[in-house]
Protein backbone atom coordinates (compact mmCIF):
# COMPACT_ATOMS: atom_id res chain seq x y z
CA MET A 1 148.34 14.75 218.01
CA ALA A 2 146.62 17.97 216.90
CA SER A 3 149.60 19.97 218.24
CA SER A 4 151.89 18.12 215.74
CA ASN A 5 149.41 18.29 212.81
CA PRO A 6 149.30 21.74 211.40
CA ASP A 7 147.79 20.79 208.47
CA LEU A 8 144.88 19.10 210.25
CA ILE A 9 144.25 22.29 212.01
CA ARG A 10 144.56 24.44 208.83
CA GLU A 11 142.22 22.01 207.06
CA PHE A 12 139.51 22.37 210.04
CA THR A 13 139.91 26.16 210.11
CA GLU A 14 139.58 26.44 206.68
CA ARG A 15 136.42 24.20 207.04
CA CYS A 16 135.00 26.55 209.33
CA GLN A 17 135.79 29.77 207.58
CA GLN A 18 134.18 28.31 204.37
CA SER A 19 130.94 27.69 206.02
CA ILE A 20 130.76 31.33 207.46
CA ARG A 21 131.76 32.61 203.92
CA GLU A 22 129.20 30.47 202.16
CA PHE A 23 126.33 31.74 204.37
CA GLU A 24 127.55 35.23 203.86
CA GLU A 25 127.76 34.98 200.00
CA ILE A 26 124.62 32.93 199.35
CA GLN A 27 121.86 35.04 197.72
CA VAL A 28 118.06 34.32 197.47
CA ARG A 29 116.67 35.91 194.15
CA CYS A 30 113.21 37.07 194.49
CA GLY A 31 111.40 38.70 191.46
CA LEU A 32 108.13 40.86 192.01
CA ILE A 33 105.64 41.08 189.04
CA GLY A 34 102.70 43.26 189.08
CA PRO A 35 101.38 46.82 187.98
CA SER A 36 102.77 50.15 189.40
CA GLY A 37 100.64 51.42 192.50
CA SER A 38 100.34 47.65 193.87
CA GLY A 39 102.60 48.41 197.08
CA LYS A 40 105.71 46.15 195.83
CA SER A 41 107.92 48.55 197.63
CA SER A 42 106.09 48.34 200.94
CA LEU A 43 105.86 44.54 200.54
CA ILE A 44 109.53 44.25 200.19
CA ASN A 45 110.22 46.37 203.40
CA ALA A 46 107.64 44.34 205.15
CA ILE A 47 109.43 41.00 204.27
CA ALA A 48 112.83 42.51 205.18
CA GLY A 49 111.73 44.19 208.18
CA GLU A 50 113.91 47.12 207.21
CA LYS A 51 113.16 50.06 204.73
CA ILE A 52 115.41 49.03 201.45
CA ALA A 53 112.79 50.38 198.82
CA ALA A 54 111.31 53.94 198.53
CA VAL A 55 107.64 53.86 199.00
CA GLY A 56 104.93 56.41 197.68
CA VAL A 57 106.29 56.80 194.37
CA VAL A 58 104.00 55.54 191.71
CA GLU A 59 105.85 54.99 188.38
CA THR A 60 105.97 52.62 185.62
CA THR A 61 109.23 50.29 185.96
CA ASN A 62 110.89 50.16 182.64
CA ASP A 63 114.06 48.46 183.77
CA PRO A 64 114.50 46.10 186.72
CA GLN A 65 115.24 47.32 189.88
CA GLU A 66 117.02 45.55 192.63
CA TYR A 67 117.08 46.01 196.40
CA VAL A 68 119.22 43.98 198.44
CA HIS A 69 118.47 43.18 201.86
CA LYS A 70 121.69 41.11 203.38
CA GLY A 71 121.05 37.48 201.55
CA ILE A 72 117.82 38.48 199.72
CA THR A 73 117.68 40.44 196.51
CA PHE A 74 114.32 41.69 195.65
CA VAL A 75 114.03 42.41 192.14
CA ASP A 76 110.94 44.47 190.72
CA LEU A 77 110.54 43.43 187.27
CA PRO A 78 109.40 45.56 184.35
CA GLY A 79 106.15 45.12 182.56
CA CYS A 80 106.05 42.33 180.31
CA GLY A 81 104.79 42.52 176.49
CA THR A 82 105.91 46.23 176.09
CA GLN A 83 108.05 47.33 173.14
CA LYS A 84 111.14 47.44 175.18
CA TRP A 85 110.31 44.11 176.98
CA PRO A 86 108.58 41.85 174.45
CA ARG A 87 106.93 38.60 175.77
CA ASP A 88 108.72 36.07 173.13
CA THR A 89 112.23 37.17 174.81
CA TYR A 90 111.18 38.55 178.37
CA ILE A 91 112.23 35.39 180.45
CA GLU A 92 115.25 35.01 178.72
CA ARG A 93 116.55 38.44 178.58
CA LEU A 94 116.12 38.85 182.27
CA LYS A 95 117.36 35.54 183.20
CA LEU A 96 114.17 34.56 185.06
CA ASP A 97 115.28 30.93 185.36
CA ASP A 98 118.21 32.07 187.65
CA PHE A 99 115.31 33.36 190.13
CA ASP A 100 114.56 31.45 193.12
CA CYS A 101 110.93 32.47 193.67
CA PHE A 102 108.44 35.00 192.38
CA LEU A 103 105.90 37.12 193.91
CA LEU A 104 102.90 38.30 191.62
CA VAL A 105 101.56 41.29 193.32
CA THR A 106 98.36 43.40 192.81
CA ALA A 107 95.98 45.79 194.85
CA GLN A 108 93.30 45.67 192.34
CA ARG A 109 93.54 43.14 189.26
CA PHE A 110 96.20 41.51 187.26
CA TYR A 111 96.79 42.43 183.47
CA ASP A 112 97.16 39.89 180.88
CA SER A 113 100.84 40.09 180.63
CA ASP A 114 100.91 39.28 184.38
CA ALA A 115 98.86 36.41 184.03
CA TYR A 116 100.92 35.19 181.19
CA LEU A 117 104.10 35.29 183.26
CA TYR A 118 102.38 33.52 185.94
CA ARG A 119 101.76 30.58 183.68
CA GLU A 120 105.18 30.63 182.12
CA LEU A 121 107.20 30.68 185.33
CA THR A 122 104.95 27.93 187.05
CA ALA A 123 105.06 25.82 183.95
CA ARG A 124 108.80 25.94 184.45
CA GLY A 125 108.57 24.91 188.05
CA LYS A 126 109.33 28.24 189.59
CA PRO A 127 107.58 28.87 193.00
CA CYS A 128 105.40 31.72 192.21
CA PHE A 129 103.21 33.21 195.06
CA VAL A 130 99.99 35.23 194.28
CA VAL A 131 99.86 38.10 196.60
CA ARG A 132 96.65 40.82 196.85
CA ASN A 133 98.31 43.34 198.87
CA MET A 134 96.81 46.38 200.66
CA ILE A 135 94.13 44.05 202.16
CA ASP A 136 93.32 46.24 205.08
CA ARG A 137 91.96 49.09 202.82
CA ALA A 138 89.96 46.63 200.73
CA ILE A 139 88.30 45.36 203.92
CA GLU A 140 87.47 48.86 205.14
CA ASP A 141 86.13 49.62 201.64
CA GLY A 142 84.07 46.37 201.69
CA LEU A 143 82.47 47.23 204.79
CA HIS A 144 81.91 50.92 204.10
CA ASP A 145 80.80 50.49 200.64
CA ASN A 146 78.89 47.28 200.45
CA GLY A 147 78.44 46.18 204.14
CA HIS A 148 80.63 43.19 203.75
CA ASN A 149 82.51 41.80 206.61
CA GLU A 150 86.32 40.96 206.74
CA GLN A 151 85.47 37.09 205.97
CA GLU A 152 83.36 37.92 202.72
CA THR A 153 85.73 40.38 201.39
CA ARG A 154 88.38 38.14 201.76
CA ARG A 155 86.42 35.60 200.25
CA LEU A 156 85.27 37.35 197.23
CA ILE A 157 88.85 38.88 196.47
CA SER A 158 90.31 35.52 196.47
CA ALA A 159 87.73 34.06 193.98
CA ASP A 160 88.22 37.05 191.79
CA ILE A 161 91.85 36.60 191.64
CA ARG A 162 91.70 32.86 191.03
CA HIS A 163 89.43 33.80 188.07
CA GLN A 164 91.76 35.94 186.86
CA LEU A 165 94.40 33.41 186.64
CA GLU A 166 92.38 30.57 185.16
CA PRO A 167 92.61 27.95 183.64
CA ASP A 168 95.51 27.27 186.33
CA PRO A 169 94.54 29.23 189.12
CA PRO A 170 96.64 29.24 192.29
CA SER A 171 95.88 26.89 195.57
CA ARG A 172 96.05 29.99 197.52
CA VAL A 173 96.01 33.73 197.20
CA TYR A 174 97.74 35.70 200.00
CA LEU A 175 96.01 38.63 201.10
CA THR A 176 98.69 40.94 202.79
CA SER A 177 98.89 44.25 204.34
CA ALA A 178 102.38 46.05 204.98
CA ARG A 179 100.82 48.40 207.20
CA GLN A 180 99.65 45.26 209.55
CA PRO A 181 102.25 42.86 208.80
CA ALA A 182 101.26 40.65 211.84
CA GLN A 183 97.80 40.28 210.55
CA HIS A 184 96.51 38.57 207.50
CA ASP A 185 98.59 36.36 205.42
CA LEU A 186 101.98 37.94 205.52
CA ARG A 187 103.18 35.29 208.07
CA GLU A 188 101.95 32.49 206.02
CA LEU A 189 103.67 33.83 202.79
CA LEU A 190 106.84 34.04 204.36
CA GLU A 191 106.63 30.68 205.65
CA ALA A 192 105.63 29.22 201.98
CA ILE A 193 108.44 30.99 200.76
CA ALA A 194 110.88 29.36 202.90
CA GLU A 195 109.45 25.99 202.52
CA ALA A 196 109.77 26.40 198.59
CA LEU A 197 113.60 27.04 198.96
CA GLY A 198 115.95 24.49 199.85
CA GLY A 199 119.28 24.00 201.89
CA LEU A 200 121.58 27.03 202.58
CA LYS A 201 119.07 29.50 200.70
CA ARG A 202 116.21 28.53 202.94
CA SER A 203 118.38 29.13 205.91
CA ARG A 204 119.66 32.58 204.37
CA PHE A 205 115.88 33.58 203.54
CA VAL A 206 114.93 32.61 207.49
CA ALA A 207 117.70 34.54 208.63
CA ASP A 208 116.93 37.76 206.75
CA MET A 209 112.94 37.68 206.62
CA ALA A 210 111.01 39.62 209.30
CA ALA A 211 109.48 37.55 212.26
CA TYR A 212 105.73 38.14 212.51
CA GLY A 213 104.85 35.01 214.44
CA GLU A 214 106.15 32.42 216.69
CA GLN A 215 106.77 29.86 213.90
CA ALA A 216 109.29 32.38 212.10
CA LEU A 217 110.95 32.88 215.76
CA SER A 218 111.29 29.23 216.10
CA ARG A 219 112.89 28.97 212.42
CA LYS A 220 115.08 31.88 213.36
CA ARG A 221 116.35 30.07 216.56
CA GLN A 222 117.28 26.96 214.68
CA VAL A 223 119.21 29.03 212.17
CA ALA A 224 120.89 31.03 214.68
CA GLY A 225 121.95 27.97 216.66
CA GLU A 226 123.80 26.59 213.49
CA ARG A 227 125.52 29.67 213.04
CA ILE A 228 127.20 29.47 216.19
CA VAL A 229 128.92 25.97 215.36
CA PRO A 230 131.49 27.48 213.03
CA TYR A 231 132.45 30.27 215.01
CA ALA A 232 133.07 27.91 217.89
CA GLY A 233 135.07 25.74 215.70
CA LEU A 234 137.40 28.73 214.73
CA ALA A 235 137.85 29.44 218.51
CA ALA A 236 138.76 25.77 219.25
CA ALA A 237 141.35 25.98 216.28
CA ASN A 238 142.53 29.39 217.98
CA GLY A 239 143.26 27.37 221.13
CA LEU A 240 145.60 25.23 219.42
CA ASN A 241 147.64 28.59 218.41
CA PRO A 242 151.17 28.29 219.81
CA ILE A 243 151.66 32.19 219.85
CA PRO A 244 150.71 33.16 223.69
CA GLY A 245 147.89 35.87 224.02
CA LEU A 246 146.81 35.93 220.13
CA ASP A 247 143.90 33.77 220.37
CA ILE A 248 142.35 35.90 223.11
CA GLY A 249 142.19 38.48 220.60
CA ALA A 250 140.85 36.41 217.81
CA ASP A 251 138.24 35.08 220.29
CA ILE A 252 136.90 38.54 220.61
CA SER A 253 136.82 39.24 217.08
CA LEU A 254 134.87 36.10 216.47
CA LEU A 255 132.30 36.62 219.21
CA LEU A 256 131.77 40.40 217.93
CA LYS A 257 130.97 38.96 214.28
CA LEU A 258 128.93 36.37 215.64
CA GLY A 259 126.92 39.18 217.78
CA ASN A 260 126.41 41.17 214.81
CA GLU A 261 125.06 38.06 212.72
CA ILE A 262 122.71 37.07 215.40
CA ALA A 263 121.50 40.61 215.96
CA CYS A 264 120.80 40.72 212.20
CA ILE A 265 118.92 37.33 212.21
CA TYR A 266 116.52 38.62 215.16
CA GLY A 267 116.06 42.23 213.42
CA LEU A 268 117.77 44.00 216.37
CA THR A 269 120.00 46.22 214.08
CA ASP A 270 119.66 50.25 214.25
CA ASN A 271 117.73 49.98 210.67
CA GLN A 272 115.44 47.09 211.49
CA LEU A 273 114.54 48.90 214.76
CA ALA A 274 113.80 52.03 213.03
CA TYR A 275 111.43 50.58 210.94
CA VAL A 276 109.66 49.06 213.77
CA ARG A 277 109.49 52.59 215.32
CA ARG A 278 108.29 54.02 211.64
CA LEU A 279 105.51 51.14 212.00
CA LEU A 280 104.18 51.69 215.48
CA GLY A 281 105.38 55.49 216.14
CA PRO A 282 108.20 57.14 217.55
CA ASP A 283 107.14 56.66 221.11
CA ALA A 284 106.48 52.95 220.88
CA LEU A 285 108.23 50.39 222.88
CA PRO A 286 110.57 52.80 224.81
CA GLY A 287 111.56 50.16 227.53
CA LEU A 288 112.53 47.81 224.58
CA MET A 289 114.65 50.70 222.93
CA ALA A 290 116.75 50.89 226.20
CA LYS A 291 117.02 47.01 226.34
CA THR A 292 118.20 46.96 222.72
CA ALA A 293 120.77 49.53 223.55
CA GLN A 294 122.10 47.37 226.45
CA PHE A 295 122.13 44.44 224.35
CA ALA A 296 124.34 46.28 221.81
CA THR A 297 126.66 47.26 224.54
CA LYS A 298 127.17 43.84 225.90
CA TYR A 299 127.62 41.73 222.76
CA LEU A 300 128.40 44.25 219.61
CA ALA A 301 131.03 46.55 221.23
CA ARG A 302 134.67 45.18 221.94
CA GLU A 303 134.39 46.33 225.59
CA GLY A 304 131.22 44.34 226.13
CA VAL A 305 132.57 41.21 224.76
CA MET A 306 135.94 41.58 226.92
CA ALA A 307 133.84 41.99 229.96
CA LEU A 308 132.05 38.63 228.96
CA LEU A 309 135.21 36.93 228.74
CA ARG A 310 136.72 38.40 231.88
CA ARG A 311 133.96 36.73 233.57
CA MET A 312 135.37 33.46 232.20
CA ALA A 313 138.77 34.35 233.46
CA ARG A 314 139.23 31.40 235.03
CA SER A 315 138.63 29.42 231.58
CA VAL A 316 140.41 31.65 229.67
CA ALA A 317 143.61 31.74 231.95
CA THR A 318 143.37 27.89 231.73
CA LYS A 319 143.52 27.92 228.30
CA GLU A 320 146.44 30.05 228.01
CA VAL A 321 148.37 27.59 230.38
CA THR A 322 147.47 24.55 229.08
CA ARG A 323 148.12 25.35 225.43
CA PHE A 324 151.95 24.45 226.31
CA ILE A 325 151.49 21.14 228.09
CA PRO A 326 152.90 18.60 225.36
CA PHE A 327 150.10 16.75 223.41
CA VAL A 328 147.27 17.09 225.84
CA GLY A 329 147.43 20.77 226.59
CA PRO A 330 146.36 22.13 223.24
CA LEU A 331 143.29 19.66 223.22
CA VAL A 332 142.11 21.05 226.37
CA ALA A 333 142.91 24.55 225.33
CA ALA A 334 140.54 23.97 222.07
CA GLY A 335 138.03 22.43 224.12
CA ILE A 336 137.96 25.41 226.27
CA GLY A 337 137.70 27.68 223.31
CA TRP A 338 134.97 25.74 221.58
CA GLN A 339 132.92 25.57 224.78
CA ALA A 340 133.38 29.24 225.81
CA THR A 341 132.29 30.54 222.25
CA PHE A 342 129.38 28.13 222.34
CA LEU A 343 127.93 29.03 225.73
CA LEU A 344 128.54 32.51 224.85
CA GLY A 345 126.57 32.10 221.44
CA GLU A 346 123.81 30.11 223.23
CA GLN A 347 123.54 33.05 225.78
CA LEU A 348 123.56 35.74 222.79
CA VAL A 349 120.76 33.86 220.90
CA LYS A 350 118.44 33.41 224.12
CA GLU A 351 118.91 37.12 224.76
CA ALA A 352 118.26 38.28 221.10
CA GLU A 353 115.20 36.05 220.75
CA SER A 354 113.76 37.48 224.23
CA LEU A 355 114.07 40.99 222.79
CA ALA A 356 112.67 39.77 219.10
CA GLU A 357 109.71 38.32 221.10
CA GLU A 358 108.96 41.80 222.64
CA VAL A 359 109.22 43.62 219.24
CA LEU A 360 106.69 40.91 217.75
CA ALA A 361 104.37 41.43 220.78
CA GLY A 362 104.60 45.27 220.10
CA ILE A 363 103.87 44.77 216.44
CA VAL A 364 101.06 42.52 216.93
CA ARG A 365 99.48 45.02 219.61
CA GLY A 366 100.47 48.24 217.75
CA THR A 367 99.24 47.09 213.90
CA ALA A 368 96.06 45.12 215.15
CA PRO A 369 92.80 46.30 213.36
CA ALA A 370 90.75 48.70 215.49
């Protein structure tokens, strides 16, 4: 029986802990190539849904600049073909073969060195996405200067960039705007990056990318649901703990950690919400801010989690008593621990997604072109 097999319990516990640890430690490495002034910093922030890179400082990147957002490391790469970074050793010295994907970014046109890197990296089988950033400004200029509507401006810009990257142009050019992240092609770009990644790296990227569409929220729902499982497993293992009262405290710690993880996945941390406020204005979504505060009190504070567990007092009490019934008792207690954590996890995900949907609706309304 489980109560008489501590090695089996230990092995199961270690497997659950390893699942949590692997997700925490996995990193998606994304390189950004392109000239200064192309809006790479603003694009990084838009993908992360959080300000992690300074915006507004135009300078030449002489060394790689790393920006870490949970499980995604963005690397703004230095110019290729300079005295410091010659072409023939560029890829090897910067260890670009270790990167998971690349964004080739411009707000005007690409240089020969950018096109060279695009050809070299795609030849090595690296996912390389071509991005024309600041498309909102280009659309305004196209209308003002030439009388072109949005569709015509997009067509002309895409055709020009493909021409710049001949003889092997990309199948698609992503036209993005950090100021209007729910418009244009940023949603499609994030979907394409996620699809290009595999396994745990895909889950990690989906968890940490911003959600600018319903498909992104659907992906996040799947990842969030997967994250509940190892925490519920640990709660089940706690139910087999022979020390009275110890597993309840452990369950609270597990739920707090799970709550913070789900909040991050759905963009509900203070830093992520601060980015939304900067995007929409300080007076935007006042009701939502109150709801997110209530969410944090309920799921991200020890007192709130204890209150949730108190509502399940009957189950918790049963768990405490049944652990000491020989053979069968620990299995029942483990089942209660699993069920309680899983149900609370599902409730947590449901409420987090509801708030994220309100955030998305606000971004769509607040950043739509006039």
